[in-house]
Amino acid sequence: MVAENVDLLNRDPNNLNDQIQVMFDDVIAEPDGAHSIDCVFKLAYICYNLCKDLAYKTTTCLLGCPLAILWGCSFAVMAFCHVWCCTPCFKMLALNCSLCRKCCTMYYDCVYGPLCETYALCFSRIRVVNASE
């Protein structure tokens, strides 16, 4: 795994976090008729972005790598469980169910097949006539 292949411009190529809208314009908006002084709004814009960036970068510096290790190990364990536990278990279940299905099909063919044929012959002679008044 080489870090040189990481796309530093588009860090969400699969759009996993489209719901996260944290830009100033997404959070703070003054409607017509309720405008603050221009210099206050510009200063609020600068303060918001600086604090957001500082807090995000500080948090990622402190917790980004440990959480990446945690999530990497979690997904590795999950993949291991699926490959070595779940898939073989489902395969064994499918094989056992196949045998059970064959037995049930044979039973139904032997018991219910003749019954259904007999009822079909009996009821095939029934005619329904709509009488209009």
C-alpha atoms as a PDB file:
ATOM      1  CA  MET A   1       0.000   0.000   0.000  1.00  0.00           C
ATOM      2  CA  VAL A   2       1.607   3.243  -1.157  1.00  0.00           C
ATOM      3  CA  ALA A   3       0.381   6.604   0.108  1.00  0.00           C
ATOM      4  CA  GLU A   4       1.484   8.257  -3.153  1.00  0.00           C
ATOM      5  CA  ASN A   5      -1.657   6.936  -4.868  1.00  0.00           C
ATOM      6  CA  VAL A   6      -4.011   8.784  -2.495  1.00  0.00           C
ATOM      7  CA  ASP A   7      -6.113  11.442  -4.227  1.00  0.00           C
ATOM      8  CA  LEU A   8      -5.620  14.508  -2.036  1.00  0.00           C
ATOM      9  CA  LEU A   9      -8.052  16.652  -4.035  1.00  0.00           C
ATOM     10  CA  ASN A  10     -11.105  14.390  -4.100  1.00  0.00           C
ATOM     11  CA  ARG A  11     -11.098  12.686  -0.707  1.00  0.00           C
ATOM     12  CA  ASP A  12     -14.678  11.387  -0.999  1.00  0.00           C
ATOM     13  CA  PRO A  13     -14.747   9.816  -4.489  1.00  0.00           C
ATOM     14  CA  ASN A  14     -17.722   7.578  -3.634  1.00  0.00           C
ATOM     15  CA  ASN A  15     -19.738  10.430  -2.093  1.00  0.00           C
ATOM     16  CA  LEU A  16     -20.079   8.664   1.253  1.00  0.00           C
ATOM     17  CA  ASN A  17     -20.526  11.912   3.173  1.00  0.00           C
ATOM     18  CA  ASP A  18     -22.753  14.012   0.936  1.00  0.00           C
ATOM     19  CA  GLN A  19     -25.074  14.654   3.870  1.00  0.00           C
ATOM     20  CA  ILE A  20     -22.399  16.555   5.783  1.00  0.00           C
ATOM     21  CA  GLN A  21     -22.848  20.223   4.950  1.00  0.00           C
ATOM     22  CA  VAL A  22     -20.535  22.282   7.176  1.00  0.00           C
ATOM     23  CA  MET A  23     -19.566  25.240   5.029  1.00  0.00           C
ATOM     24  CA  PHE A  24     -20.488  28.696   6.375  1.00  0.00           C
ATOM     25  CA  ASP A  25     -23.196  29.159   3.744  1.00  0.00           C
ATOM     26  CA  ASP A  26     -24.733  25.786   4.700  1.00  0.00           C
ATOM     27  CA  VAL A  27     -24.948  26.682   8.402  1.00  0.00           C
ATOM     28  CA  ILE A  28     -25.423  30.427   8.702  1.00  0.00           C
ATOM     29  CA  ALA A  29     -27.670  32.456   6.420  1.00  0.00           C
ATOM     30  CA  GLU A  30     -29.284  35.837   6.935  1.00  0.00           C
ATOM     31  CA  PRO A  31     -32.637  36.241   5.215  1.00  0.00           C
ATOM     32  CA  ASP A  32     -33.678  39.477   3.535  1.00  0.00           C
ATOM     33  CA  GLY A  33     -34.725  41.960   6.148  1.00  0.00           C
ATOM     34  CA  ALA A  34     -32.420  40.554   8.829  1.00  0.00           C
ATOM     35  CA  HIS A  35     -28.896  41.504   7.790  1.00  0.00           C
ATOM     36  CA  SER A  36     -26.117  42.262  10.232  1.00  0.00           C
ATOM     37  CA  ILE A  37     -23.486  44.886   9.578  1.00  0.00           C
ATOM     38  CA  ASP A  38     -21.298  43.813   6.657  1.00  0.00           C
ATOM     39  CA  CYS A  39     -18.067  43.844   8.663  1.00  0.00           C
ATOM     40  CA  VAL A  40     -19.680  41.647  11.359  1.00  0.00           C
ATOM     41  CA  PHE A  41     -20.887  39.135   8.778  1.00  0.00           C
ATOM     42  CA  LYS A  42     -17.445  39.017   7.120  1.00  0.00           C
ATOM     43  CA  LEU A  43     -15.729  38.641  10.505  1.00  0.00           C
ATOM     44  CA  ALA A  44     -18.194  35.889  11.468  1.00  0.00           C
ATOM     45  CA  TYR A  45     -17.341  34.135   8.189  1.00  0.00           C
ATOM     46  CA  ILE A  46     -13.608  34.305   8.943  1.00  0.00           C
ATOM     47  CA  CYS A  47     -14.038  33.221  12.602  1.00  0.00           C
ATOM     48  CA  TYR A  48     -16.344  30.326  11.671  1.00  0.00           C
ATOM     49  CA  ASN A  49     -14.006  28.955   9.010  1.00  0.00           C
ATOM     50  CA  LEU A  50     -10.849  29.358  11.111  1.00  0.00           C
ATOM     51  CA  CYS A  51     -12.397  27.686  14.176  1.00  0.00           C
ATOM     52  CA  LYS A  52     -14.003  24.913  12.109  1.00  0.00           C
ATOM     53  CA  ASP A  53     -10.739  24.175  10.314  1.00  0.00           C
ATOM     54  CA  LEU A  54      -8.655  24.347  13.500  1.00  0.00           C
ATOM     55  CA  ALA A  55     -11.023  22.110  15.463  1.00  0.00           C
ATOM     56  CA  TYR A  56     -11.310  19.596  12.611  1.00  0.00           C
ATOM     57  CA  LYS A  57      -7.559  19.454  11.996  1.00  0.00           C
ATOM     58  CA  THR A  58      -6.794  19.178  15.715  1.00  0.00           C
ATOM     59  CA  THR A  59      -9.333  16.388  16.148  1.00  0.00           C
ATOM     60  CA  THR A  60      -8.063  14.504  13.097  1.00  0.00           C
ATOM     61  CA  CYS A  61      -4.449  14.892  14.265  1.00  0.00           C
ATOM     62  CA  LEU A  62      -5.305  13.462  17.670  1.00  0.00           C
ATOM     63  CA  LEU A  63      -7.839  10.807  16.698  1.00  0.00           C
ATOM     64  CA  GLY A  64      -7.511  10.222  12.949  1.00  0.00           C
ATOM     65  CA  CYS A  65      -4.783   7.578  13.026  1.00  0.00           C
ATOM     66  CA  PRO A  66      -6.063   5.691  16.097  1.00  0.00           C
ATOM     67  CA  LEU A  67      -9.573   5.588  14.592  1.00  0.00           C
ATOM     68  CA  ALA A  68      -8.167   4.500  11.226  1.00  0.00           C
ATOM     69  CA  ILE A  69      -6.401   1.640  13.029  1.00  0.00           C
ATOM     70  CA  LEU A  70      -9.609   0.759  14.899  1.00  0.00           C
ATOM     71  CA  TRP A  71     -11.784   0.802  11.742  1.00  0.00           C
ATOM     72  CA  GLY A  72      -9.159  -1.050   9.712  1.00  0.00           C
ATOM     73  CA  CYS A  73      -8.978  -3.811  12.333  1.00  0.00           C
ATOM     74  CA  SER A  74     -12.781  -3.906  12.663  1.00  0.00           C
ATOM     75  CA  PHE A  75     -13.308  -4.351   8.930  1.00  0.00           C
ATOM     76  CA  ALA A  76     -10.492  -6.907   8.794  1.00  0.00           C
ATOM     77  CA  VAL A  77     -12.129  -8.946  11.578  1.00  0.00           C
ATOM     78  CA  MET A  78     -15.508  -8.639   9.862  1.00  0.00           C
ATOM     79  CA  ALA A  79     -14.006  -9.816   6.548  1.00  0.00           C
ATOM     80  CA  PHE A  80     -12.285 -12.678   8.362  1.00  0.00           C
ATOM     81  CA  CYS A  81     -15.571 -13.745   9.981  1.00  0.00           C
ATOM     82  CA  HIS A  82     -17.389 -13.662   6.655  1.00  0.00           C
ATOM     83  CA  VAL A  83     -14.669 -15.576   4.797  1.00  0.00           C
ATOM     84  CA  TRP A  84     -13.880 -18.173   7.459  1.00  0.00           C
ATOM     85  CA  CYS A  85     -17.159 -18.474   9.405  1.00  0.00           C
ATOM     86  CA  CYS A  86     -20.291 -17.160   7.699  1.00  0.00           C
ATOM     87  CA  THR A  87     -19.686 -18.371   4.134  1.00  0.00           C
ATOM     88  CA  PRO A  88     -18.730 -21.946   5.116  1.00  0.00           C
ATOM     89  CA  CYS A  89     -21.658 -22.049   7.534  1.00  0.00           C
ATOM     90  CA  PHE A  90     -24.110 -20.948   4.822  1.00  0.00           C
ATOM     91  CA  LYS A  91     -22.567 -23.447   2.397  1.00  0.00           C
ATOM     92  CA  MET A  92     -23.068 -26.263   4.896  1.00  0.00           C
ATOM     93  CA  LEU A  93     -26.619 -25.073   5.564  1.00  0.00           C
ATOM     94  CA  ALA A  94     -27.344 -24.988   1.813  1.00  0.00           C
ATOM     95  CA  LEU A  95     -26.038 -28.555   1.413  1.00  0.00           C
ATOM     96  CA  ASN A  96     -28.135 -29.798   4.324  1.00  0.00           C
ATOM     97  CA  CYS A  97     -31.214 -27.936   3.129  1.00  0.00           C
ATOM     98  CA  SER A  98     -30.735 -29.432  -0.329  1.00  0.00           C
ATOM     99  CA  LEU A  99     -30.939 -32.918   1.143  1.00  0.00           C
ATOM    100  CA  CYS A 100     -34.004 -31.962   3.177  1.00  0.00           C
ATOM    101  CA  ARG A 101     -35.630 -30.427   0.081  1.00  0.00           C
ATOM    102  CA  LYS A 102     -35.083 -33.635  -1.893  1.00  0.00           C
ATOM    103  CA  CYS A 103     -36.704 -35.703   0.866  1.00  0.00           C
ATOM    104  CA  CYS A 104     -39.685 -33.338   1.148  1.00  0.00           C
ATOM    105  CA  THR A 105     -40.147 -33.240  -2.639  1.00  0.00           C
ATOM    106  CA  MET A 106     -40.111 -37.012  -2.840  1.00  0.00           C
ATOM    107  CA  TYR A 107     -42.663 -37.248  -0.005  1.00  0.00           C
ATOM    108  CA  TYR A 108     -44.981 -34.654  -1.583  1.00  0.00           C
ATOM    109  CA  ASP A 109     -44.735 -36.337  -4.985  1.00  0.00           C
ATOM    110  CA  CYS A 110     -45.620 -39.717  -3.492  1.00  0.00           C
ATOM    111  CA  VAL A 111     -48.405 -38.607  -1.148  1.00  0.00           C
ATOM    112  CA  TYR A 112     -49.948 -35.434  -2.505  1.00  0.00           C
ATOM    113  CA  GLY A 113     -49.342 -36.007  -6.223  1.00  0.00           C
ATOM    114  CA  PRO A 114     -51.888 -38.834  -6.571  1.00  0.00           C
ATOM    115  CA  LEU A 115     -54.379 -36.994  -4.330  1.00  0.00           C
ATOM    116  CA  CYS A 116     -54.185 -33.843  -6.420  1.00  0.00           C
ATOM    117  CA  GLU A 117     -54.603 -35.822  -9.635  1.00  0.00           C
ATOM    118  CA  THR A 118     -57.671 -37.561  -8.233  1.00  0.00           C
ATOM    119  CA  TYR A 119     -59.263 -34.301  -7.101  1.00  0.00           C
ATOM    120  CA  ALA A 120     -58.445 -32.716 -10.443  1.00  0.00           C
ATOM    121  CA  LEU A 121     -60.234 -35.518 -12.307  1.00  0.00           C
ATOM    122  CA  CYS A 122     -63.267 -35.259 -10.000  1.00  0.00           C
ATOM    123  CA  PHE A 123     -63.560 -31.489 -10.257  1.00  0.00           C
ATOM    124  CA  SER A 124     -62.797 -31.353 -13.984  1.00  0.00           C
ATOM    125  CA  ARG A 125     -66.380 -32.509 -14.725  1.00  0.00           C
ATOM    126  CA  ILE A 126     -67.897 -29.496 -12.943  1.00  0.00           C
ATOM    127  CA  ARG A 127     -69.299 -26.850 -15.273  1.00  0.00           C
ATOM    128  CA  VAL A 128     -70.121 -23.325 -14.186  1.00  0.00           C
ATOM    129  CA  VAL A 129     -72.835 -21.535 -16.130  1.00  0.00           C
ATOM    130  CA  ASN A 130     -73.687 -17.886 -15.633  1.00  0.00           C
ATOM    131  CA  ALA A 131     -77.416 -17.374 -15.939  1.00  0.00           C
ATOM    132  CA  SER A 132     -78.410 -13.854 -16.768  1.00  0.00           C
ATOM    133  CA  GLU A 133     -81.834 -12.721 -15.643  1.00  0.00           C
END
